[in-house]
Amino acid sequence: MLYTIRHYYQNTNDAITSGKEILLEQRSRNTAQFVLRDSIK
């Protein structure tokens, strides 16, 4: 899944990415993008 977050805070990123594997992460000053998949257990 691709997530795009504008005007993000670190705690927002942590909440979205917890329990997921980060495949790709890109951050700019105002926007963060993540490609995530569910963690395999």
PDB file of N, CA and C in Angstrom:
ATOM      1  N   MET A   1       0.842  -1.174   0.000  1.00  0.00           N
ATOM      2  CA  MET A   1       0.000   0.000   0.000  1.00  0.00           C
ATOM      3  C   MET A   1       0.887   1.237   0.000  1.00  0.00           C
ATOM      4  N   LEU A   2       0.439   2.248  -0.685  1.00  0.00           N
ATOM      5  CA  LEU A   2       1.142   3.527  -0.721  1.00  0.00           C
ATOM      6  C   LEU A   2       0.400   4.517   0.172  1.00  0.00           C
ATOM      7  N   TYR A   3       1.127   5.120   1.094  1.00  0.00           N
ATOM      8  CA  TYR A   3       0.573   6.149   1.967  1.00  0.00           C
ATOM      9  C   TYR A   3       1.291   7.457   1.681  1.00  0.00           C
ATOM     10  N   THR A   4       0.529   8.526   1.531  1.00  0.00           N
ATOM     11  CA  THR A   4       1.083   9.865   1.373  1.00  0.00           C
ATOM     12  C   THR A   4       0.495  10.731   2.474  1.00  0.00           C
ATOM     13  N   ILE A   5       1.354  11.353   3.249  1.00  0.00           N
ATOM     14  CA  ILE A   5       0.932  12.153   4.396  1.00  0.00           C
ATOM     15  C   ILE A   5       1.496  13.554   4.225  1.00  0.00           C
ATOM     16  N   ARG A   6       0.615  14.539   4.181  1.00  0.00           N
ATOM     17  CA  ARG A   6       1.060  15.934   4.110  1.00  0.00           C
ATOM     18  C   ARG A   6       1.073  16.528   5.507  1.00  0.00           C
ATOM     19  N   HIS A   7       2.028  17.391   5.757  1.00  0.00           N
ATOM     20  CA  HIS A   7       2.180  18.080   7.049  1.00  0.00           C
ATOM     21  C   HIS A   7       2.208  17.061   8.193  1.00  0.00           C
ATOM     22  N   TYR A   8       3.125  16.119   8.087  1.00  0.00           N
ATOM     23  CA  TYR A   8       3.189  14.986   8.998  1.00  0.00           C
ATOM     24  C   TYR A   8       3.968  15.310  10.267  1.00  0.00           C
ATOM     25  N   TYR A   9       3.732  14.513  11.279  1.00  0.00           N
ATOM     26  CA  TYR A   9       4.502  14.507  12.520  1.00  0.00           C
ATOM     27  C   TYR A   9       5.047  13.103  12.712  1.00  0.00           C
ATOM     28  N   GLN A  10       6.131  12.964  13.438  1.00  0.00           N
ATOM     29  CA  GLN A  10       6.756  11.659  13.619  1.00  0.00           C
ATOM     30  C   GLN A  10       5.801  10.654  14.253  1.00  0.00           C
ATOM     31  N   ASN A  11       4.992  11.086  15.222  1.00  0.00           N
ATOM     32  CA  ASN A  11       4.069  10.144  15.856  1.00  0.00           C
ATOM     33  C   ASN A  11       3.007   9.643  14.877  1.00  0.00           C
ATOM     34  N   THR A  12       2.653  10.448  13.882  1.00  0.00           N
ATOM     35  CA  THR A  12       1.729   9.997  12.836  1.00  0.00           C
ATOM     36  C   THR A  12       2.391   8.908  12.003  1.00  0.00           C
ATOM     37  N   ASN A  13       3.629   9.120  11.632  1.00  0.00           N
ATOM     38  CA  ASN A  13       4.365   8.113  10.862  1.00  0.00           C
ATOM     39  C   ASN A  13       4.485   6.813  11.644  1.00  0.00           C
ATOM     40  N   ASP A  14       4.787   6.905  12.923  1.00  0.00           N
ATOM     41  CA  ASP A  14       4.937   5.710  13.754  1.00  0.00           C
ATOM     42  C   ASP A  14       3.629   4.928  13.834  1.00  0.00           C
ATOM     43  N   ALA A  15       2.505   5.628  13.954  1.00  0.00           N
ATOM     44  CA  ALA A  15       1.213   4.963  14.048  1.00  0.00           C
ATOM     45  C   ALA A  15       0.865   4.238  12.754  1.00  0.00           C
ATOM     46  N   ILE A  16       1.166   4.844  11.632  1.00  0.00           N
ATOM     47  CA  ILE A  16       0.829   4.241  10.341  1.00  0.00           C
ATOM     48  C   ILE A  16       1.745   3.063  10.024  1.00  0.00           C
ATOM     49  N   THR A  17       3.014   3.156  10.381  1.00  0.00           N
ATOM     50  CA  THR A  17       3.978   2.120  10.003  1.00  0.00           C
ATOM     51  C   THR A  17       4.115   1.001  11.031  1.00  0.00           C
ATOM     52  N   SER A  18       3.508   1.121  12.196  1.00  0.00           N
ATOM     53  CA  SER A  18       3.669   0.079  13.214  1.00  0.00           C
ATOM     54  C   SER A  18       3.012  -1.217  12.747  1.00  0.00           C
ATOM     55  N   GLY A  19       3.728  -2.309  12.915  1.00  0.00           N
ATOM     56  CA  GLY A  19       3.224  -3.614  12.515  1.00  0.00           C
ATOM     57  C   GLY A  19       3.295  -3.873  11.025  1.00  0.00           C
ATOM     58  N   LYS A  20       3.982  -3.007  10.287  1.00  0.00           N
ATOM     59  CA  LYS A  20       4.098  -3.161   8.841  1.00  0.00           C
ATOM     60  C   LYS A  20       5.563  -3.115   8.438  1.00  0.00           C
ATOM     61  N   GLU A  21       5.861  -3.732   7.311  1.00  0.00           N
ATOM     62  CA  GLU A  21       7.212  -3.692   6.763  1.00  0.00           C
ATOM     63  C   GLU A  21       7.306  -2.517   5.804  1.00  0.00           C
ATOM     64  N   ILE A  22       8.298  -1.663   5.996  1.00  0.00           N
ATOM     65  CA  ILE A  22       8.489  -0.498   5.124  1.00  0.00           C
ATOM     66  C   ILE A  22       9.348  -0.933   3.942  1.00  0.00           C
ATOM     67  N   LEU A  23       8.757  -0.890   2.749  1.00  0.00           N
ATOM     68  CA  LEU A  23       9.492  -1.247   1.542  1.00  0.00           C
ATOM     69  C   LEU A  23      10.205  -0.049   0.954  1.00  0.00           C
ATOM     70  N   LEU A  24       9.593   1.132   1.083  1.00  0.00           N
ATOM     71  CA  LEU A  24      10.171   2.359   0.550  1.00  0.00           C
ATOM     72  C   LEU A  24       9.683   3.525   1.386  1.00  0.00           C
ATOM     73  N   GLU A  25      10.571   4.461   1.661  1.00  0.00           N
ATOM     74  CA  GLU A  25      10.210   5.646   2.444  1.00  0.00           C
ATOM     75  C   GLU A  25      10.842   6.870   1.792  1.00  0.00           C
ATOM     76  N   GLN A  26      10.045   7.919   1.631  1.00  0.00           N
ATOM     77  CA  GLN A  26      10.546   9.167   1.066  1.00  0.00           C
ATOM     78  C   GLN A  26       9.932  10.314   1.850  1.00  0.00           C
ATOM     79  N   ARG A  27      10.790  11.251   2.252  1.00  0.00           N
ATOM     80  CA  ARG A  27      10.311  12.400   3.026  1.00  0.00           C
ATOM     81  C   ARG A  27      10.824  13.683   2.414  1.00  0.00           C
ATOM     82  N   SER A  28       9.964  14.675   2.400  1.00  0.00           N
ATOM     83  CA  SER A  28      10.366  16.032   2.074  1.00  0.00           C
ATOM     84  C   SER A  28       9.982  16.893   3.267  1.00  0.00           C
ATOM     85  N   ARG A  29      10.108  18.179   3.124  1.00  0.00           N
ATOM     86  CA  ARG A  29       9.802  19.063   4.249  1.00  0.00           C
ATOM     87  C   ARG A  29       8.343  18.949   4.695  1.00  0.00           C
ATOM     88  N   ASN A  30       7.421  18.808   3.744  1.00  0.00           N
ATOM     89  CA  ASN A  30       5.992  18.816   4.063  1.00  0.00           C
ATOM     90  C   ASN A  30       5.278  17.495   3.847  1.00  0.00           C
ATOM     91  N   THR A  31       5.910  16.546   3.161  1.00  0.00           N
ATOM     92  CA  THR A  31       5.219  15.325   2.761  1.00  0.00           C
ATOM     93  C   THR A  31       6.079  14.104   3.062  1.00  0.00           C
ATOM     94  N   ALA A  32       5.423  13.043   3.533  1.00  0.00           N
ATOM     95  CA  ALA A  32       6.081  11.753   3.718  1.00  0.00           C
ATOM     96  C   ALA A  32       5.308  10.722   2.909  1.00  0.00           C
ATOM     97  N   GLN A  33       6.041   9.838   2.238  1.00  0.00           N
ATOM     98  CA  GLN A  33       5.413   8.760   1.478  1.00  0.00           C
ATOM     99  C   GLN A  33       6.030   7.443   1.919  1.00  0.00           C
ATOM    100  N   PHE A  34       5.184   6.428   2.039  1.00  0.00           N
ATOM    101  CA  PHE A  34       5.618   5.105   2.448  1.00  0.00           C
ATOM    102  C   PHE A  34       4.957   4.073   1.552  1.00  0.00           C
ATOM    103  N   VAL A  35       5.729   3.061   1.178  1.00  0.00           N
ATOM    104  CA  VAL A  35       5.169   1.866   0.568  1.00  0.00           C
ATOM    105  C   VAL A  35       5.320   0.784   1.631  1.00  0.00           C
ATOM    106  N   LEU A  36       4.191   0.224   2.064  1.00  0.00           N
ATOM    107  CA  LEU A  36       4.178  -0.710   3.183  1.00  0.00           C
ATOM    108  C   LEU A  36       3.500  -2.017   2.783  1.00  0.00           C
ATOM    109  N   ARG A  37       3.845  -3.069   3.518  1.00  0.00           N
ATOM    110  CA  ARG A  37       3.084  -4.310   3.424  1.00  0.00           C
ATOM    111  C   ARG A  37       2.982  -4.882   4.822  1.00  0.00           C
ATOM    112  N   ASP A  38       1.961  -5.689   5.028  1.00  0.00           N
ATOM    113  CA  ASP A  38       1.770  -6.312   6.326  1.00  0.00           C
ATOM    114  C   ASP A  38       2.966  -7.185   6.665  1.00  0.00           C
ATOM    115  N   SER A  39       3.385  -7.153   7.901  1.00  0.00           N
ATOM    116  CA  SER A  39       4.516  -7.977   8.337  1.00  0.00           C
ATOM    117  C   SER A  39       4.127  -9.434   8.273  1.00  0.00           C
ATOM    118  N   ILE A  40       5.040 -10.249   7.781  1.00  0.00           N
ATOM    119  CA  ILE A  40       4.807 -11.695   7.719  1.00  0.00           C
ATOM    120  C   ILE A  40       5.322 -12.300   8.994  1.00  0.00           C
ATOM    121  N   LYS A  41       4.476 -13.075   9.649  1.00  0.00           N
ATOM    122  CA  LYS A  41       4.866 -13.690  10.925  1.00  0.00           C
ATOM    123  C   LYS A  41       4.832 -15.186  10.814  1.00  0.00           C
TER     124      LYS A  41
END
